[in-house]
């Protein structure tokens, strides 16, 4: 994004001679935090998991200052928390000697309403720019939605907040807000199918580093969804899908379907998708694919689908787990 005013004379002319002058006037960057995003490994109620936080600060955080997070009620952190590195992102510099402390936010009557997490450099200051960190937490024990389109600071029901303070406790960067995560009930069953060598050949499975791949997943639902909704498949860091993943998604039986060229084109123990459960779109970002599925899938059936990967990671990721979300249900990691 260009942080400047651009003045051009003859901007719509086709000849250079008719475009005599242009001027760029840089403007100071607004002191605010931008590009705040909250990620997670699993959103199953009551499950121990790891969240990821990414954002960009406009000013440095000095020694004795802090980055301060505010998290909705129900997430449990250790009081003396540990800042972890996000795979594929630079870690906080060791010279900053970061401290992490979590405390409850209390309403005037003393009722807990959230958690405040202080990230404080005790050594060198933190330069302005992109930052990423991970924190271990336990999800709330009760399931909850996080629908968008709400009149809140982040546009969703549950919002996370981050702000930057200097050594005197004065805000140095305006706060930023990001949608949090829904908390789902545990899906009865979900797995990545373990295939024999011949079955791998017949379905295009190729686990070699950096190569395209085709994986088959199975999942079962405890409750039938009541409306069309999204199915989210999230993989470990390093796996990538095609941005438009619909052409490489298979949900039907027959030759070239879910089970490719396996004899009989199907394996026992699995159920076919109902014809009404059409996948209308599939879009991805990195190792996360989101499919919009029409109403039709039922509870108690073990459905399967095959999906193409643009590439495997070059080395074994940690953690190496996949998750599936659909409706108000999620698989544990």
C-alpha atoms as a PDB file:
ATOM      1  CA  UNK A   1       0.000   0.000   0.000  1.00  0.00           C
ATOM      2  CA  UNK A   2       1.351   3.449  -0.982  1.00  0.00           C
ATOM      3  CA  UNK A   3       1.464   5.795   2.021  1.00  0.00           C
ATOM      4  CA  UNK A   4       1.674   8.985  -0.058  1.00  0.00           C
ATOM      5  CA  UNK A   5      -0.229  11.471  -2.183  1.00  0.00           C
ATOM      6  CA  UNK A   6       0.438  11.138  -5.913  1.00  0.00           C
ATOM      7  CA  UNK A   7      -0.046  14.151  -8.208  1.00  0.00           C
ATOM      8  CA  UNK A   8       0.106  13.607 -11.977  1.00  0.00           C
ATOM      9  CA  UNK A   9      -0.401  16.025 -14.849  1.00  0.00           C
ATOM     10  CA  UNK A  10      -1.650  14.320 -17.978  1.00  0.00           C
ATOM     11  CA  UNK A  11      -2.290  11.053 -16.141  1.00  0.00           C
ATOM     12  CA  UNK A  12      -4.716   9.838 -18.830  1.00  0.00           C
ATOM     13  CA  UNK A  13      -2.511  10.757 -21.809  1.00  0.00           C
ATOM     14  CA  UNK A  14      -1.043   8.003 -23.982  1.00  0.00           C
ATOM     15  CA  UNK A  15       2.169   9.809 -25.016  1.00  0.00           C
ATOM     16  CA  UNK A  16       5.004  10.531 -22.584  1.00  0.00           C
ATOM     17  CA  UNK A  17       5.337  14.069 -23.962  1.00  0.00           C
ATOM     18  CA  UNK A  18       1.763  14.757 -22.880  1.00  0.00           C
ATOM     19  CA  UNK A  19       2.519  13.622 -19.307  1.00  0.00           C
ATOM     20  CA  UNK A  20       4.895  16.398 -18.230  1.00  0.00           C
ATOM     21  CA  UNK A  21       4.925  16.150 -14.459  1.00  0.00           C
ATOM     22  CA  UNK A  22       4.349  13.842 -11.510  1.00  0.00           C
ATOM     23  CA  UNK A  23       5.004  14.324  -7.823  1.00  0.00           C
ATOM     24  CA  UNK A  24       4.937  11.941  -4.855  1.00  0.00           C
ATOM     25  CA  UNK A  25       4.365  13.428  -1.400  1.00  0.00           C
ATOM     26  CA  UNK A  26       5.044  10.857   1.333  1.00  0.00           C
ATOM     27  CA  UNK A  27       2.851  11.126   4.407  1.00  0.00           C
ATOM     28  CA  UNK A  28       3.648   9.917   7.912  1.00  0.00           C
ATOM     29  CA  UNK A  29       2.349   6.454   8.685  1.00  0.00           C
ATOM     30  CA  UNK A  30      -0.644   6.447  10.969  1.00  0.00           C
ATOM     31  CA  UNK A  31       0.382   5.088  14.355  1.00  0.00           C
ATOM     32  CA  UNK A  32      -1.815   2.051  14.481  1.00  0.00           C
ATOM     33  CA  UNK A  33      -1.553  -1.725  14.389  1.00  0.00           C
ATOM     34  CA  UNK A  34      -2.697  -3.292  11.125  1.00  0.00           C
ATOM     35  CA  UNK A  35      -3.202  -6.718   9.533  1.00  0.00           C
ATOM     36  CA  UNK A  36      -4.192  -8.419  12.790  1.00  0.00           C
ATOM     37  CA  UNK A  37      -5.190 -12.075  12.351  1.00  0.00           C
ATOM     38  CA  UNK A  38      -5.951 -14.880  14.809  1.00  0.00           C
ATOM     39  CA  UNK A  39      -5.318 -18.499  13.796  1.00  0.00           C
ATOM     40  CA  UNK A  40      -5.675 -21.802  15.619  1.00  0.00           C
ATOM     41  CA  UNK A  41      -4.852 -25.503  15.449  1.00  0.00           C
ATOM     42  CA  UNK A  42      -8.209 -26.706  16.781  1.00  0.00           C
ATOM     43  CA  UNK A  43     -11.427 -25.109  17.985  1.00  0.00           C
ATOM     44  CA  UNK A  44     -12.886 -28.121  19.801  1.00  0.00           C
ATOM     45  CA  UNK A  45     -14.440 -27.157  23.142  1.00  0.00           C
ATOM     46  CA  UNK A  46     -12.175 -27.793  26.130  1.00  0.00           C
ATOM     47  CA  UNK A  47      -9.210 -28.917  24.017  1.00  0.00           C
ATOM     48  CA  UNK A  48      -5.612 -27.862  24.687  1.00  0.00           C
ATOM     49  CA  UNK A  49      -4.343 -26.229  21.493  1.00  0.00           C
ATOM     50  CA  UNK A  50      -2.124 -23.496  20.065  1.00  0.00           C
ATOM     51  CA  UNK A  51      -3.268 -20.142  18.711  1.00  0.00           C
ATOM     52  CA  UNK A  52      -1.281 -17.972  16.304  1.00  0.00           C
ATOM     53  CA  UNK A  53      -1.323 -14.176  16.245  1.00  0.00           C
ATOM     54  CA  UNK A  54       0.004 -12.031  13.406  1.00  0.00           C
ATOM     55  CA  UNK A  55      -0.011  -8.230  13.142  1.00  0.00           C
ATOM     56  CA  UNK A  56       2.098  -5.261  12.101  1.00  0.00           C
ATOM     57  CA  UNK A  57       3.109  -2.369  14.369  1.00  0.00           C
ATOM     58  CA  UNK A  58       3.855   1.160  13.168  1.00  0.00           C
ATOM     59  CA  UNK A  59       6.214   2.213  15.986  1.00  0.00           C
ATOM     60  CA  UNK A  60       8.838   0.375  17.987  1.00  0.00           C
ATOM     61  CA  UNK A  61       8.006  -1.090  21.363  1.00  0.00           C
ATOM     62  CA  UNK A  62      10.719   0.112  23.791  1.00  0.00           C
ATOM     63  CA  UNK A  63      12.240  -1.790  26.684  1.00  0.00           C
ATOM     64  CA  UNK A  64       9.647  -1.614  29.453  1.00  0.00           C
ATOM     65  CA  UNK A  65       6.814  -1.092  26.957  1.00  0.00           C
ATOM     66  CA  UNK A  66       4.450  -3.865  25.972  1.00  0.00           C
ATOM     67  CA  UNK A  67       2.229  -5.435  23.388  1.00  0.00           C
ATOM     68  CA  UNK A  68      -1.081  -6.125  25.101  1.00  0.00           C
ATOM     69  CA  UNK A  69      -3.670  -8.658  23.985  1.00  0.00           C
ATOM     70  CA  UNK A  70      -7.263  -8.961  25.180  1.00  0.00           C
ATOM     71  CA  UNK A  71      -8.916 -12.343  24.677  1.00  0.00           C
ATOM     72  CA  UNK A  72     -12.613 -13.288  25.125  1.00  0.00           C
ATOM     73  CA  UNK A  73     -13.675 -15.087  28.278  1.00  0.00           C
ATOM     74  CA  UNK A  74     -13.159 -18.845  28.519  1.00  0.00           C
ATOM     75  CA  UNK A  75      -9.696 -19.306  27.026  1.00  0.00           C
ATOM     76  CA  UNK A  76      -7.250 -20.529  29.674  1.00  0.00           C
ATOM     77  CA  UNK A  77      -3.571 -19.510  29.617  1.00  0.00           C
ATOM     78  CA  UNK A  78      -0.755 -20.145  32.074  1.00  0.00           C
ATOM     79  CA  UNK A  79      -0.085 -17.051  34.164  1.00  0.00           C
ATOM     80  CA  UNK A  80       3.569 -17.088  33.072  1.00  0.00           C
ATOM     81  CA  UNK A  81       2.968 -17.877  29.418  1.00  0.00           C
ATOM     82  CA  UNK A  82       5.556 -18.827  26.809  1.00  0.00           C
ATOM     83  CA  UNK A  83       5.912 -17.084  23.450  1.00  0.00           C
ATOM     84  CA  UNK A  84       6.348 -19.672  20.694  1.00  0.00           C
ATOM     85  CA  UNK A  85       7.452 -19.290  17.093  1.00  0.00           C
ATOM     86  CA  UNK A  86       4.958 -19.553  14.249  1.00  0.00           C
ATOM     87  CA  UNK A  87       6.233 -21.963  11.551  1.00  0.00           C
ATOM     88  CA  UNK A  88       7.506 -20.046   8.545  1.00  0.00           C
ATOM     89  CA  UNK A  89       7.587 -16.728  10.405  1.00  0.00           C
ATOM     90  CA  UNK A  90      10.566 -15.045  12.114  1.00  0.00           C
ATOM     91  CA  UNK A  91      10.748 -15.399  15.883  1.00  0.00           C
ATOM     92  CA  UNK A  92      11.005 -12.470  18.279  1.00  0.00           C
ATOM     93  CA  UNK A  93      14.690 -11.487  18.580  1.00  0.00           C
ATOM     94  CA  UNK A  94      16.465 -13.156  21.496  1.00  0.00           C
ATOM     95  CA  UNK A  95      17.930  -9.772  22.451  1.00  0.00           C
ATOM     96  CA  UNK A  96      14.432  -8.528  23.325  1.00  0.00           C
ATOM     97  CA  UNK A  97      14.217 -11.085  26.182  1.00  0.00           C
ATOM     98  CA  UNK A  98      10.420 -11.189  25.955  1.00  0.00           C
ATOM     99  CA  UNK A  99       8.279 -11.782  29.039  1.00  0.00           C
ATOM    100  CA  UNK A 100       4.710 -13.079  28.798  1.00  0.00           C
ATOM    101  CA  UNK A 101       2.110 -12.755  31.548  1.00  0.00           C
ATOM    102  CA  UNK A 102      -1.617 -13.556  31.476  1.00  0.00           C
ATOM    103  CA  UNK A 103      -4.132 -12.064  33.922  1.00  0.00           C
ATOM    104  CA  UNK A 104      -7.908 -12.107  34.128  1.00  0.00           C
ATOM    105  CA  UNK A 105      -9.985  -9.100  33.110  1.00  0.00           C
ATOM    106  CA  UNK A 106     -12.642  -8.486  35.746  1.00  0.00           C
ATOM    107  CA  UNK A 107     -15.920  -6.612  35.466  1.00  0.00           C
ATOM    108  CA  UNK A 108     -16.725  -4.036  38.190  1.00  0.00           C
ATOM    109  CA  UNK A 109     -18.498  -6.747  40.161  1.00  0.00           C
ATOM    110  CA  UNK A 110     -15.482  -9.050  40.020  1.00  0.00           C
ATOM    111  CA  UNK A 111     -16.814 -11.397  37.321  1.00  0.00           C
ATOM    112  CA  UNK A 112     -14.159 -12.570  34.828  1.00  0.00           C
ATOM    113  CA  UNK A 113     -14.876 -11.246  31.325  1.00  0.00           C
ATOM    114  CA  UNK A 114     -11.663 -12.164  29.501  1.00  0.00           C
ATOM    115  CA  UNK A 115      -7.893 -12.478  29.660  1.00  0.00           C
ATOM    116  CA  UNK A 116      -5.235  -9.802  29.233  1.00  0.00           C
ATOM    117  CA  UNK A 117      -1.831 -10.968  27.968  1.00  0.00           C
ATOM    118  CA  UNK A 118       1.189  -8.703  28.324  1.00  0.00           C
ATOM    119  CA  UNK A 119       4.188  -9.250  26.016  1.00  0.00           C
ATOM    120  CA  UNK A 120       7.041  -7.125  27.355  1.00  0.00           C
ATOM    121  CA  UNK A 121      10.592  -6.676  26.011  1.00  0.00           C
ATOM    122  CA  UNK A 122      13.014  -6.708  28.961  1.00  0.00           C
ATOM    123  CA  UNK A 123      16.152  -6.372  26.816  1.00  0.00           C
ATOM    124  CA  UNK A 124      16.285  -4.500  23.529  1.00  0.00           C
ATOM    125  CA  UNK A 125      13.308  -2.730  22.003  1.00  0.00           C
ATOM    126  CA  UNK A 126      11.088  -4.335  19.338  1.00  0.00           C
ATOM    127  CA  UNK A 127      11.374  -2.645  15.959  1.00  0.00           C
ATOM    128  CA  UNK A 128       8.250  -1.613  14.092  1.00  0.00           C
ATOM    129  CA  UNK A 129       7.004  -4.091  11.508  1.00  0.00           C
ATOM    130  CA  UNK A 130       5.439  -7.522  11.129  1.00  0.00           C
ATOM    131  CA  UNK A 131       5.198  -9.766  14.168  1.00  0.00           C
ATOM    132  CA  UNK A 132       4.013 -13.317  14.681  1.00  0.00           C
ATOM    133  CA  UNK A 133       3.741 -15.479  17.769  1.00  0.00           C
ATOM    134  CA  UNK A 134       1.985 -18.566  19.066  1.00  0.00           C
ATOM    135  CA  UNK A 135       0.572 -19.249  22.520  1.00  0.00           C
ATOM    136  CA  UNK A 136      -0.688 -22.465  24.100  1.00  0.00           C
ATOM    137  CA  UNK A 137      -4.213 -22.265  25.476  1.00  0.00           C
ATOM    138  CA  UNK A 138      -7.180 -24.382  26.472  1.00  0.00           C
ATOM    139  CA  UNK A 139     -10.396 -23.618  24.599  1.00  0.00           C
ATOM    140  CA  UNK A 140     -13.574 -22.696  26.473  1.00  0.00           C
ATOM    141  CA  UNK A 141     -15.481 -25.745  27.677  1.00  0.00           C
ATOM    142  CA  UNK A 142     -18.777 -24.540  26.191  1.00  0.00           C
ATOM    143  CA  UNK A 143     -19.352 -24.368  22.438  1.00  0.00           C
ATOM    144  CA  UNK A 144     -20.096 -20.953  20.949  1.00  0.00           C
ATOM    145  CA  UNK A 145     -20.646 -19.409  17.530  1.00  0.00           C
ATOM    146  CA  UNK A 146     -18.691 -16.549  16.009  1.00  0.00           C
ATOM    147  CA  UNK A 147     -20.917 -15.312  13.200  1.00  0.00           C
ATOM    148  CA  UNK A 148     -19.891 -12.393  11.053  1.00  0.00           C
ATOM    149  CA  UNK A 149     -21.949  -9.408   9.974  1.00  0.00           C
ATOM    150  CA  UNK A 150     -22.267  -8.116  13.526  1.00  0.00           C
ATOM    151  CA  UNK A 151     -22.134  -4.527  14.721  1.00  0.00           C
ATOM    152  CA  UNK A 152     -18.896  -5.008  16.672  1.00  0.00           C
ATOM    153  CA  UNK A 153     -15.376  -3.605  16.393  1.00  0.00           C
ATOM    154  CA  UNK A 154     -14.267  -6.682  14.382  1.00  0.00           C
ATOM    155  CA  UNK A 155     -17.535  -7.484  12.592  1.00  0.00           C
ATOM    156  CA  UNK A 156     -17.973 -10.815  14.407  1.00  0.00           C
ATOM    157  CA  UNK A 157     -19.496 -11.972  17.673  1.00  0.00           C
ATOM    158  CA  UNK A 158     -16.136 -12.594  19.378  1.00  0.00           C
ATOM    159  CA  UNK A 159     -13.257 -10.141  18.962  1.00  0.00           C
ATOM    160  CA  UNK A 160      -9.587 -10.253  19.964  1.00  0.00           C
ATOM    161  CA  UNK A 161      -7.667  -7.026  20.584  1.00  0.00           C
ATOM    162  CA  UNK A 162      -4.004  -5.994  20.402  1.00  0.00           C
ATOM    163  CA  UNK A 163      -2.412  -2.651  21.277  1.00  0.00           C
ATOM    164  CA  UNK A 164       1.092  -1.265  21.842  1.00  0.00           C
ATOM    165  CA  UNK A 165       2.143   0.762  24.901  1.00  0.00           C
ATOM    166  CA  UNK A 166       5.373   2.635  25.620  1.00  0.00           C
ATOM    167  CA  UNK A 167       7.412   2.380  28.835  1.00  0.00           C
ATOM    168  CA  UNK A 168       5.097   4.899  30.544  1.00  0.00           C
ATOM    169  CA  UNK A 169       1.997   2.889  29.705  1.00  0.00           C
ATOM    170  CA  UNK A 170       0.887   5.389  27.042  1.00  0.00           C
ATOM    171  CA  UNK A 171      -0.575   3.890  23.884  1.00  0.00           C
ATOM    172  CA  UNK A 172       1.971   4.224  21.062  1.00  0.00           C
ATOM    173  CA  UNK A 173      -0.022   2.391  18.377  1.00  0.00           C
ATOM    174  CA  UNK A 174      -3.791   2.474  18.176  1.00  0.00           C
ATOM    175  CA  UNK A 175      -5.421  -0.871  18.895  1.00  0.00           C
ATOM    176  CA  UNK A 176      -6.507  -3.376  16.269  1.00  0.00           C
ATOM    177  CA  UNK A 177      -9.271  -5.969  16.435  1.00  0.00           C
ATOM    178  CA  UNK A 178      -9.679  -9.332  14.729  1.00  0.00           C
ATOM    179  CA  UNK A 179     -12.444 -11.954  14.664  1.00  0.00           C
ATOM    180  CA  UNK A 180     -11.751 -14.793  17.069  1.00  0.00           C
ATOM    181  CA  UNK A 181     -12.732 -18.399  16.598  1.00  0.00           C
ATOM    182  CA  UNK A 182     -15.966 -20.306  17.052  1.00  0.00           C
ATOM    183  CA  UNK A 183     -15.811 -23.085  19.627  1.00  0.00           C
ATOM    184  CA  UNK A 184     -17.257 -26.329  18.282  1.00  0.00           C
ATOM    185  CA  UNK A 185     -18.239 -29.695  19.686  1.00  0.00           C
ATOM    186  CA  UNK A 186     -16.037 -32.677  18.879  1.00  0.00           C
ATOM    187  CA  UNK A 187     -16.723 -34.436  15.581  1.00  0.00           C
ATOM    188  CA  UNK A 188     -17.344 -38.181  16.202  1.00  0.00           C
ATOM    189  CA  UNK A 189     -14.781 -39.289  13.640  1.00  0.00           C
ATOM    190  CA  UNK A 190     -12.320 -37.747  11.185  1.00  0.00           C
ATOM    191  CA  UNK A 191      -9.174 -39.143   9.624  1.00  0.00           C
ATOM    192  CA  UNK A 192      -6.704 -39.072   6.755  1.00  0.00           C
ATOM    193  CA  UNK A 193      -7.028 -42.454   5.053  1.00  0.00           C
ATOM    194  CA  UNK A 194      -4.009 -44.758   5.333  1.00  0.00           C
ATOM    195  CA  UNK A 195      -3.799 -46.477   1.958  1.00  0.00           C
ATOM    196  CA  UNK A 196      -1.854 -49.455   0.671  1.00  0.00           C
ATOM    197  CA  UNK A 197       0.826 -48.968  -1.975  1.00  0.00           C
ATOM    198  CA  UNK A 198      -1.497 -50.002  -4.819  1.00  0.00           C
ATOM    199  CA  UNK A 199      -4.288 -47.784  -3.493  1.00  0.00           C
ATOM    200  CA  UNK A 200      -1.888 -44.835  -3.351  1.00  0.00           C
ATOM    201  CA  UNK A 201      -0.978 -45.344  -6.994  1.00  0.00           C
ATOM    202  CA  UNK A 202      -4.652 -45.604  -7.975  1.00  0.00           C
ATOM    203  CA  UNK A 203      -5.612 -42.366  -6.189  1.00  0.00           C
ATOM    204  CA  UNK A 204      -2.577 -40.205  -6.979  1.00  0.00           C
ATOM    205  CA  UNK A 205      -1.136 -40.231  -3.464  1.00  0.00           C
ATOM    206  CA  UNK A 206       2.463 -38.947  -3.454  1.00  0.00           C
ATOM    207  CA  UNK A 207       4.028 -38.003  -0.114  1.00  0.00           C
ATOM    208  CA  UNK A 208       7.449 -36.988  -1.467  1.00  0.00           C
ATOM    209  CA  UNK A 209       8.654 -33.537  -0.327  1.00  0.00           C
ATOM    210  CA  UNK A 210       7.623 -30.615  -2.496  1.00  0.00           C
ATOM    211  CA  UNK A 211       5.510 -32.714  -4.890  1.00  0.00           C
ATOM    212  CA  UNK A 212       1.821 -32.376  -5.792  1.00  0.00           C
ATOM    213  CA  UNK A 213      -0.381 -34.814  -3.914  1.00  0.00           C
ATOM    214  CA  UNK A 214      -3.925 -36.126  -3.582  1.00  0.00           C
ATOM    215  CA  UNK A 215      -5.223 -36.973  -0.119  1.00  0.00           C
ATOM    216  CA  UNK A 216      -8.431 -38.721   0.965  1.00  0.00           C
ATOM    217  CA  UNK A 217     -10.179 -37.676   4.172  1.00  0.00           C
ATOM    218  CA  UNK A 218     -13.145 -39.199   6.007  1.00  0.00           C
ATOM    219  CA  UNK A 219     -15.449 -37.593   8.564  1.00  0.00           C
ATOM    220  CA  UNK A 220     -18.700 -38.287  10.395  1.00  0.00           C
ATOM    221  CA  UNK A 221     -21.199 -35.855  11.916  1.00  0.00           C
ATOM    222  CA  UNK A 222     -23.064 -36.084  15.215  1.00  0.00           C
ATOM    223  CA  UNK A 223     -25.818 -33.722  14.049  1.00  0.00           C
ATOM    224  CA  UNK A 224     -27.274 -32.968  10.644  1.00  0.00           C
ATOM    225  CA  UNK A 225     -26.598 -29.332   9.669  1.00  0.00           C
ATOM    226  CA  UNK A 226     -29.650 -27.100   9.384  1.00  0.00           C
ATOM    227  CA  UNK A 227     -28.355 -24.900   6.557  1.00  0.00           C
ATOM    228  CA  UNK A 228     -25.714 -24.690   3.869  1.00  0.00           C
ATOM    229  CA  UNK A 229     -22.372 -23.946   5.460  1.00  0.00           C
ATOM    230  CA  UNK A 230     -18.622 -24.241   4.995  1.00  0.00           C
ATOM    231  CA  UNK A 231     -16.412 -27.272   5.410  1.00  0.00           C
ATOM    232  CA  UNK A 232     -12.889 -26.240   6.384  1.00  0.00           C
ATOM    233  CA  UNK A 233      -9.877 -28.507   5.936  1.00  0.00           C
ATOM    234  CA  UNK A 234      -6.759 -27.182   7.697  1.00  0.00           C
ATOM    235  CA  UNK A 235      -3.363 -28.806   7.312  1.00  0.00           C
ATOM    236  CA  UNK A 236       0.097 -28.394   8.802  1.00  0.00           C
ATOM    237  CA  UNK A 237       2.396 -25.584   7.764  1.00  0.00           C
ATOM    238  CA  UNK A 238       4.040 -26.197   4.379  1.00  0.00           C
ATOM    239  CA  UNK A 239       1.168 -27.956   2.594  1.00  0.00           C
ATOM    240  CA  UNK A 240      -0.437 -25.785  -0.093  1.00  0.00           C
ATOM    241  CA  UNK A 241      -3.653 -26.092  -2.067  1.00  0.00           C
ATOM    242  CA  UNK A 242      -4.492 -24.532  -5.399  1.00  0.00           C
ATOM    243  CA  UNK A 243      -6.130 -21.158  -4.747  1.00  0.00           C
ATOM    244  CA  UNK A 244      -9.242 -22.403  -6.564  1.00  0.00           C
ATOM    245  CA  UNK A 245      -9.376 -25.930  -5.169  1.00  0.00           C
ATOM    246  CA  UNK A 246     -12.770 -26.919  -6.612  1.00  0.00           C
ATOM    247  CA  UNK A 247     -11.394 -28.565  -9.804  1.00  0.00           C
ATOM    248  CA  UNK A 248      -9.229 -30.833  -7.636  1.00  0.00           C
ATOM    249  CA  UNK A 249     -11.994 -31.844  -5.210  1.00  0.00           C
ATOM    250  CA  UNK A 250     -13.719 -35.230  -5.604  1.00  0.00           C
ATOM    251  CA  UNK A 251     -16.829 -36.311  -3.677  1.00  0.00           C
ATOM    252  CA  UNK A 252     -18.511 -38.771  -6.054  1.00  0.00           C
ATOM    253  CA  UNK A 253     -18.094 -42.472  -6.731  1.00  0.00           C
ATOM    254  CA  UNK A 254     -17.130 -44.084 -10.026  1.00  0.00           C
ATOM    255  CA  UNK A 255     -13.974 -43.938 -12.118  1.00  0.00           C
ATOM    256  CA  UNK A 256     -11.958 -40.840 -11.332  1.00  0.00           C
ATOM    257  CA  UNK A 257     -14.044 -40.104  -8.217  1.00  0.00           C
ATOM    258  CA  UNK A 258     -13.001 -40.176  -4.576  1.00  0.00           C
ATOM    259  CA  UNK A 259     -11.168 -43.489  -4.895  1.00  0.00           C
ATOM    260  CA  UNK A 260      -9.710 -42.892  -8.340  1.00  0.00           C
ATOM    261  CA  UNK A 261      -8.950 -46.111 -10.177  1.00  0.00           C
ATOM    262  CA  UNK A 262      -9.139 -48.476  -7.214  1.00  0.00           C
ATOM    263  CA  UNK A 263     -10.874 -51.695  -8.399  1.00  0.00           C
ATOM    264  CA  UNK A 264     -14.606 -51.232  -7.927  1.00  0.00           C
ATOM    265  CA  UNK A 265     -13.978 -47.457  -7.536  1.00  0.00           C
ATOM    266  CA  UNK A 266     -14.997 -47.553  -3.873  1.00  0.00           C
ATOM    267  CA  UNK A 267     -13.830 -48.947  -0.528  1.00  0.00           C
ATOM    268  CA  UNK A 268     -16.183 -50.651   1.962  1.00  0.00           C
ATOM    269  CA  UNK A 269     -17.100 -48.859   5.181  1.00  0.00           C
ATOM    270  CA  UNK A 270     -17.560 -45.420   3.645  1.00  0.00           C
ATOM    271  CA  UNK A 271     -20.669 -43.532   2.541  1.00  0.00           C
ATOM    272  CA  UNK A 272     -21.299 -41.528  -0.616  1.00  0.00           C
ATOM    273  CA  UNK A 273     -22.315 -37.894  -0.384  1.00  0.00           C
ATOM    274  CA  UNK A 274     -25.997 -37.136  -0.878  1.00  0.00           C
ATOM    275  CA  UNK A 275     -26.635 -35.628  -4.312  1.00  0.00           C
ATOM    276  CA  UNK A 276     -28.105 -32.499  -2.694  1.00  0.00           C
ATOM    277  CA  UNK A 277     -24.831 -31.805  -0.863  1.00  0.00           C
ATOM    278  CA  UNK A 278     -23.193 -29.990  -3.764  1.00  0.00           C
ATOM    279  CA  UNK A 279     -19.877 -28.248  -3.199  1.00  0.00           C
ATOM    280  CA  UNK A 280     -20.387 -24.837  -4.793  1.00  0.00           C
ATOM    281  CA  UNK A 281     -16.908 -23.439  -4.249  1.00  0.00           C
ATOM    282  CA  UNK A 282     -13.509 -24.258  -2.790  1.00  0.00           C
ATOM    283  CA  UNK A 283     -10.970 -21.541  -2.047  1.00  0.00           C
ATOM    284  CA  UNK A 284      -7.724 -21.796  -0.154  1.00  0.00           C
ATOM    285  CA  UNK A 285      -5.057 -19.811   1.618  1.00  0.00           C
ATOM    286  CA  UNK A 286      -1.837 -21.709   2.276  1.00  0.00           C
ATOM    287  CA  UNK A 287      -2.718 -24.972   4.009  1.00  0.00           C
ATOM    288  CA  UNK A 288      -6.367 -24.073   4.659  1.00  0.00           C
ATOM    289  CA  UNK A 289      -9.158 -24.928   2.191  1.00  0.00           C
ATOM    290  CA  UNK A 290     -12.737 -23.700   2.628  1.00  0.00           C
ATOM    291  CA  UNK A 291     -15.556 -25.440   0.749  1.00  0.00           C
ATOM    292  CA  UNK A 292     -19.122 -24.130   0.595  1.00  0.00           C
ATOM    293  CA  UNK A 293     -21.430 -27.164   0.855  1.00  0.00           C
ATOM    294  CA  UNK A 294     -25.163 -27.146   0.193  1.00  0.00           C
ATOM    295  CA  UNK A 295     -27.476 -28.727   2.771  1.00  0.00           C
ATOM    296  CA  UNK A 296     -27.678 -32.508   2.478  1.00  0.00           C
ATOM    297  CA  UNK A 297     -25.102 -34.355   4.579  1.00  0.00           C
ATOM    298  CA  UNK A 298     -26.541 -36.438   7.409  1.00  0.00           C
ATOM    299  CA  UNK A 299     -25.470 -37.516  10.873  1.00  0.00           C
ATOM    300  CA  UNK A 300     -23.978 -40.954  11.496  1.00  0.00           C
ATOM    301  CA  UNK A 301     -22.481 -41.516   8.038  1.00  0.00           C
ATOM    302  CA  UNK A 302     -18.760 -41.756   7.293  1.00  0.00           C
ATOM    303  CA  UNK A 303     -18.246 -39.500   4.273  1.00  0.00           C
ATOM    304  CA  UNK A 304     -15.060 -39.327   2.201  1.00  0.00           C
ATOM    305  CA  UNK A 305     -13.556 -36.803  -0.194  1.00  0.00           C
ATOM    306  CA  UNK A 306     -10.318 -36.531  -2.155  1.00  0.00           C
ATOM    307  CA  UNK A 307      -8.528 -33.226  -2.659  1.00  0.00           C
ATOM    308  CA  UNK A 308      -5.489 -32.186  -4.651  1.00  0.00           C
ATOM    309  CA  UNK A 309      -2.530 -30.426  -3.056  1.00  0.00           C
ATOM    310  CA  UNK A 310      -0.345 -28.074  -5.069  1.00  0.00           C
ATOM    311  CA  UNK A 311       2.657 -29.227  -3.046  1.00  0.00           C
ATOM    312  CA  UNK A 312       3.782 -31.062   0.059  1.00  0.00           C
ATOM    313  CA  UNK A 313       6.146 -29.358   2.522  1.00  0.00           C
ATOM    314  CA  UNK A 314       9.882 -29.759   1.961  1.00  0.00           C
ATOM    315  CA  UNK A 315      10.361 -31.137   5.472  1.00  0.00           C
ATOM    316  CA  UNK A 316       8.174 -32.825   8.066  1.00  0.00           C
ATOM    317  CA  UNK A 317       6.111 -30.127   9.820  1.00  0.00           C
ATOM    318  CA  UNK A 318       5.584 -29.918  13.579  1.00  0.00           C
ATOM    319  CA  UNK A 319       2.809 -30.440  14.524  1.00  0.00           C
ATOM    320  CA  UNK A 320       1.854 -32.708  11.635  1.00  0.00           C
ATOM    321  CA  UNK A 321      -1.922 -32.860  12.042  1.00  0.00           C
ATOM    322  CA  UNK A 322      -4.994 -32.089   9.934  1.00  0.00           C
ATOM    323  CA  UNK A 323      -8.376 -30.834  11.160  1.00  0.00           C
ATOM    324  CA  UNK A 324     -11.869 -30.731   9.637  1.00  0.00           C
ATOM    325  CA  UNK A 325     -14.632 -28.295  10.598  1.00  0.00           C
ATOM    326  CA  UNK A 326     -18.202 -28.516   9.389  1.00  0.00           C
ATOM    327  CA  UNK A 327     -21.267 -26.882  10.860  1.00  0.00           C
ATOM    328  CA  UNK A 328     -20.776 -26.661  14.602  1.00  0.00           C
ATOM    329  CA  UNK A 329     -18.460 -29.703  14.756  1.00  0.00           C
ATOM    330  CA  UNK A 330     -14.680 -30.028  14.517  1.00  0.00           C
ATOM    331  CA  UNK A 331     -12.186 -32.846  14.630  1.00  0.00           C
ATOM    332  CA  UNK A 332      -9.526 -32.784  17.336  1.00  0.00           C
ATOM    333  CA  UNK A 333      -5.991 -32.269  16.084  1.00  0.00           C
END
